[in-house]
N, C-alpha and C. Protein backbone atom coordinates (compact mmCIF):
# COMPACT_ATOMS: atom_id res chain seq x y z
N MET A 1 87.38 174.46 24.49
CA MET A 1 88.16 173.92 25.56
C MET A 1 87.50 174.17 26.91
N ARG A 2 86.72 175.22 26.97
CA ARG A 2 86.11 175.57 28.23
C ARG A 2 84.97 174.62 28.59
N ILE A 3 84.35 174.00 27.63
CA ILE A 3 83.23 173.10 27.89
C ILE A 3 83.72 171.79 28.52
N SER A 4 84.85 171.34 28.15
CA SER A 4 85.37 170.06 28.63
C SER A 4 85.51 170.03 30.16
N PRO A 5 86.15 170.98 30.82
CA PRO A 5 86.24 170.91 32.29
C PRO A 5 84.87 171.04 32.96
N ILE A 6 84.01 171.85 32.42
CA ILE A 6 82.67 172.00 33.00
C ILE A 6 81.88 170.70 32.86
N LEU A 7 81.98 170.11 31.70
CA LEU A 7 81.29 168.85 31.47
C LEU A 7 81.83 167.76 32.40
N THR A 8 83.13 167.73 32.58
CA THR A 8 83.76 166.74 33.47
C THR A 8 83.29 166.93 34.90
N VAL A 9 83.26 168.16 35.36
CA VAL A 9 82.81 168.44 36.72
C VAL A 9 81.34 168.06 36.90
N ALA A 10 80.54 168.23 35.87
CA ALA A 10 79.13 167.90 35.96
C ALA A 10 78.90 166.38 35.92
N LEU A 11 79.73 165.67 35.20
CA LEU A 11 79.55 164.22 35.07
C LEU A 11 80.15 163.42 36.22
N VAL A 12 81.14 163.93 36.89
CA VAL A 12 81.82 163.19 37.96
C VAL A 12 80.85 162.74 39.05
N PRO A 13 80.00 163.60 39.58
CA PRO A 13 79.07 163.13 40.63
C PRO A 13 78.13 162.03 40.14
N MET A 14 77.68 162.13 38.90
CA MET A 14 76.78 161.09 38.38
C MET A 14 77.52 159.77 38.21
N LEU A 15 78.74 159.82 37.77
CA LEU A 15 79.51 158.60 37.58
C LEU A 15 79.87 157.96 38.92
N LEU A 16 80.18 158.77 39.91
CA LEU A 16 80.57 158.25 41.21
C LEU A 16 79.37 157.81 42.06
N SER A 17 78.21 158.29 41.75
CA SER A 17 77.04 157.96 42.57
C SER A 17 76.76 156.46 42.59
N GLY A 18 76.89 155.81 41.48
CA GLY A 18 76.68 154.35 41.44
C GLY A 18 77.77 153.63 42.21
N CYS A 19 78.99 154.11 42.08
CA CYS A 19 80.11 153.49 42.76
C CYS A 19 79.98 153.64 44.27
N VAL A 20 79.62 154.82 44.71
CA VAL A 20 79.47 155.08 46.14
C VAL A 20 78.31 154.27 46.71
N SER A 21 77.24 154.18 45.97
CA SER A 21 76.09 153.42 46.48
C SER A 21 76.44 151.94 46.63
N LYS A 22 77.25 151.42 45.73
CA LYS A 22 77.67 150.02 45.85
C LYS A 22 78.56 149.83 47.06
N ILE A 23 79.44 150.77 47.30
CA ILE A 23 80.34 150.67 48.45
C ILE A 23 79.55 150.76 49.75
N VAL A 24 78.54 151.61 49.77
CA VAL A 24 77.74 151.80 50.98
C VAL A 24 76.84 150.59 51.24
N THR A 25 76.24 150.02 50.20
CA THR A 25 75.29 148.92 50.40
C THR A 25 75.97 147.57 50.55
N ALA A 26 77.21 147.44 50.14
CA ALA A 26 77.89 146.15 50.21
C ALA A 26 77.94 145.56 51.62
N PRO A 27 78.30 146.33 52.64
CA PRO A 27 78.32 145.73 53.99
C PRO A 27 76.95 145.25 54.46
N PHE A 28 75.90 145.97 54.08
CA PHE A 28 74.56 145.58 54.48
C PHE A 28 74.13 144.30 53.78
N ARG A 29 74.51 144.15 52.52
CA ARG A 29 74.20 142.91 51.80
C ARG A 29 74.96 141.74 52.42
N ALA A 30 76.21 141.97 52.76
CA ALA A 30 77.01 140.91 53.38
C ALA A 30 76.41 140.52 54.73
N ALA A 31 75.98 141.50 55.49
CA ALA A 31 75.37 141.22 56.80
C ALA A 31 74.08 140.44 56.62
N GLY A 32 73.31 140.78 55.61
CA GLY A 32 72.08 140.05 55.33
C GLY A 32 72.36 138.60 54.98
N THR A 33 73.41 138.36 54.23
CA THR A 33 73.78 137.00 53.87
C THR A 33 74.19 136.21 55.10
N VAL A 34 74.93 136.84 55.99
CA VAL A 34 75.34 136.17 57.23
C VAL A 34 74.13 135.82 58.08
N VAL A 35 73.19 136.72 58.18
CA VAL A 35 71.98 136.47 58.97
C VAL A 35 71.18 135.33 58.36
N GLU A 36 71.02 135.33 57.04
CA GLU A 36 70.28 134.26 56.37
C GLU A 36 70.95 132.91 56.60
N THR A 37 72.27 132.89 56.53
CA THR A 37 73.01 131.65 56.75
C THR A 37 72.84 131.17 58.18
N ALA A 38 72.88 132.08 59.13
CA ALA A 38 72.71 131.71 60.54
C ALA A 38 71.31 131.17 60.78
N VAL A 39 70.31 131.77 60.17
CA VAL A 39 68.93 131.30 60.33
C VAL A 39 68.79 129.91 59.71
N ASP A 40 69.37 129.70 58.53
CA ASP A 40 69.32 128.38 57.90
C ASP A 40 70.00 127.33 58.75
N ALA A 41 71.08 127.70 59.41
CA ALA A 41 71.82 126.74 60.23
C ALA A 41 71.05 126.37 61.49
N THR A 42 70.21 127.26 61.98
CA THR A 42 69.50 126.98 63.23
C THR A 42 68.10 126.41 63.02
N THR A 43 67.58 126.51 61.83
CA THR A 43 66.25 125.95 61.58
C THR A 43 66.39 124.52 61.09
N GLN A 44 65.34 123.75 61.28
CA GLN A 44 65.38 122.34 60.94
C GLN A 44 64.13 122.02 60.13
N THR A 45 64.31 121.33 59.02
CA THR A 45 63.17 120.96 58.20
C THR A 45 62.46 119.77 58.82
N GLN A 46 61.28 119.50 58.31
CA GLN A 46 60.50 118.37 58.81
C GLN A 46 61.25 117.06 58.60
N SER A 47 61.87 116.88 57.44
CA SER A 47 62.59 115.63 57.17
C SER A 47 63.80 115.49 58.10
N GLU A 48 64.47 116.59 58.40
CA GLU A 48 65.60 116.53 59.34
C GLU A 48 65.12 116.14 60.74
N ARG A 49 63.97 116.67 61.15
CA ARG A 49 63.40 116.29 62.45
C ARG A 49 63.07 114.80 62.49
N GLU A 50 62.47 114.31 61.40
CA GLU A 50 62.12 112.90 61.35
C GLU A 50 63.36 112.01 61.37
N GLU A 51 64.42 112.44 60.67
CA GLU A 51 65.67 111.67 60.69
C GLU A 51 66.25 111.63 62.11
N ASP A 52 66.22 112.76 62.79
CA ASP A 52 66.72 112.81 64.17
C ASP A 52 65.91 111.90 65.09
N LEU A 53 64.59 111.93 64.93
CA LEU A 53 63.74 111.06 65.75
C LEU A 53 64.02 109.59 65.45
N GLY A 54 64.24 109.27 64.18
CA GLY A 54 64.55 107.89 63.80
C GLY A 54 65.87 107.43 64.41
N ARG A 55 66.88 108.29 64.36
CA ARG A 55 68.17 107.95 64.96
C ARG A 55 68.03 107.73 66.47
N LYS A 56 67.25 108.60 67.10
CA LYS A 56 67.06 108.47 68.55
C LYS A 56 66.33 107.18 68.89
N ALA A 57 65.32 106.84 68.10
CA ALA A 57 64.57 105.60 68.34
C ALA A 57 65.48 104.38 68.16
N LEU A 58 66.32 104.40 67.13
CA LEU A 58 67.25 103.28 66.93
C LEU A 58 68.26 103.17 68.07
N ALA A 59 68.75 104.30 68.54
CA ALA A 59 69.70 104.29 69.65
C ALA A 59 69.05 103.75 70.92
N ASP A 60 67.80 104.16 71.18
CA ASP A 60 67.08 103.65 72.36
C ASP A 60 66.86 102.14 72.25
N ARG A 61 66.50 101.70 71.07
CA ARG A 61 66.25 100.26 70.85
C ARG A 61 67.55 99.46 71.04
N LYS A 62 68.66 100.00 70.58
CA LYS A 62 69.94 99.33 70.75
C LYS A 62 70.31 99.24 72.23
N LYS A 63 70.04 100.30 72.98
CA LYS A 63 70.30 100.27 74.43
C LYS A 63 69.45 99.20 75.10
N GLN A 64 68.19 99.07 74.69
CA GLN A 64 67.32 98.05 75.26
C GLN A 64 67.85 96.65 74.96
N ARG A 65 68.31 96.44 73.71
CA ARG A 65 68.86 95.14 73.33
C ARG A 65 70.11 94.82 74.15
N ASP A 66 71.00 95.81 74.27
CA ASP A 66 72.23 95.59 75.04
C ASP A 66 71.92 95.29 76.50
N LEU A 67 70.93 95.98 77.06
CA LEU A 67 70.52 95.73 78.44
C LEU A 67 69.96 94.32 78.58
N CYS A 68 69.16 93.91 77.61
CA CYS A 68 68.59 92.56 77.62
C CYS A 68 69.70 91.51 77.56
N LEU A 69 70.67 91.74 76.69
CA LEU A 69 71.78 90.79 76.56
C LEU A 69 72.62 90.75 77.84
N ASP A 70 72.81 91.91 78.47
CA ASP A 70 73.59 91.95 79.71
C ASP A 70 72.89 91.22 80.85
N GLU A 71 71.56 91.29 80.85
CA GLU A 71 70.80 90.66 81.94
C GLU A 71 70.52 89.18 81.69
N ALA A 72 70.78 88.70 80.48
CA ALA A 72 70.52 87.29 80.15
C ALA A 72 71.41 86.39 81.00
N ARG A 73 70.80 85.32 81.54
CA ARG A 73 71.55 84.43 82.43
C ARG A 73 72.07 83.18 81.73
N ASN A 74 71.50 82.87 80.57
CA ASN A 74 71.98 81.70 79.84
C ASN A 74 71.86 81.91 78.34
N LYS A 75 72.29 80.90 77.59
CA LYS A 75 72.29 81.03 76.13
C LYS A 75 70.89 81.21 75.56
N GLN A 76 69.93 80.53 76.16
CA GLN A 76 68.56 80.63 75.65
C GLN A 76 68.01 82.06 75.81
N GLU A 77 68.28 82.67 76.94
CA GLU A 77 67.82 84.05 77.15
C GLU A 77 68.53 85.01 76.20
N ARG A 78 69.80 84.78 75.95
CA ARG A 78 70.54 85.62 74.99
C ARG A 78 69.95 85.46 73.59
N ARG A 79 69.62 84.21 73.25
CA ARG A 79 69.02 83.93 71.93
C ARG A 79 67.67 84.65 71.82
N ASN A 80 66.90 84.61 72.91
CA ASN A 80 65.59 85.30 72.91
C ASN A 80 65.76 86.80 72.71
N CYS A 81 66.78 87.37 73.36
CA CYS A 81 67.04 88.81 73.19
C CYS A 81 67.40 89.12 71.74
N LYS A 82 68.26 88.30 71.17
CA LYS A 82 68.67 88.52 69.78
C LYS A 82 67.49 88.38 68.84
N ASP A 83 66.61 87.41 69.11
CA ASP A 83 65.43 87.24 68.26
C ASP A 83 64.47 88.43 68.40
N ALA A 84 64.34 88.93 69.61
CA ALA A 84 63.43 90.06 69.84
C ALA A 84 63.90 91.34 69.15
N TYR A 85 65.22 91.46 69.03
CA TYR A 85 65.78 92.70 68.43
C TYR A 85 66.53 92.42 67.14
N LYS A 86 66.17 91.36 66.43
CA LYS A 86 66.93 90.99 65.23
C LYS A 86 66.78 91.99 64.09
N ASP A 87 65.74 92.76 64.05
CA ASP A 87 65.55 93.75 62.99
C ASP A 87 66.48 94.96 63.13
N ASP A 88 67.14 95.07 64.27
CA ASP A 88 67.98 96.24 64.52
C ASP A 88 69.40 96.11 63.97
N ASP A 89 69.77 94.96 63.48
CA ASP A 89 71.15 94.76 63.01
C ASP A 89 71.48 95.53 61.78
């Protein structure tokens, strides 16, 4: 009977060491995940950059077409504007 309490006292620190280490490292792992997510959200891949440039180019082209249509004085000039920018539809 005397061995059982001694054995229990000897095993408790070993059993708790894994549990304590998980509790201690969990906040650091969570913080690492948050940092990685923040970095992913702020970085941009090459394809995302190209998509953004394409959207900007299309928006600029649409503004030019609208300006051309606004400045057109007759139907023929409006038709010319539409023909010049017909690929943008």
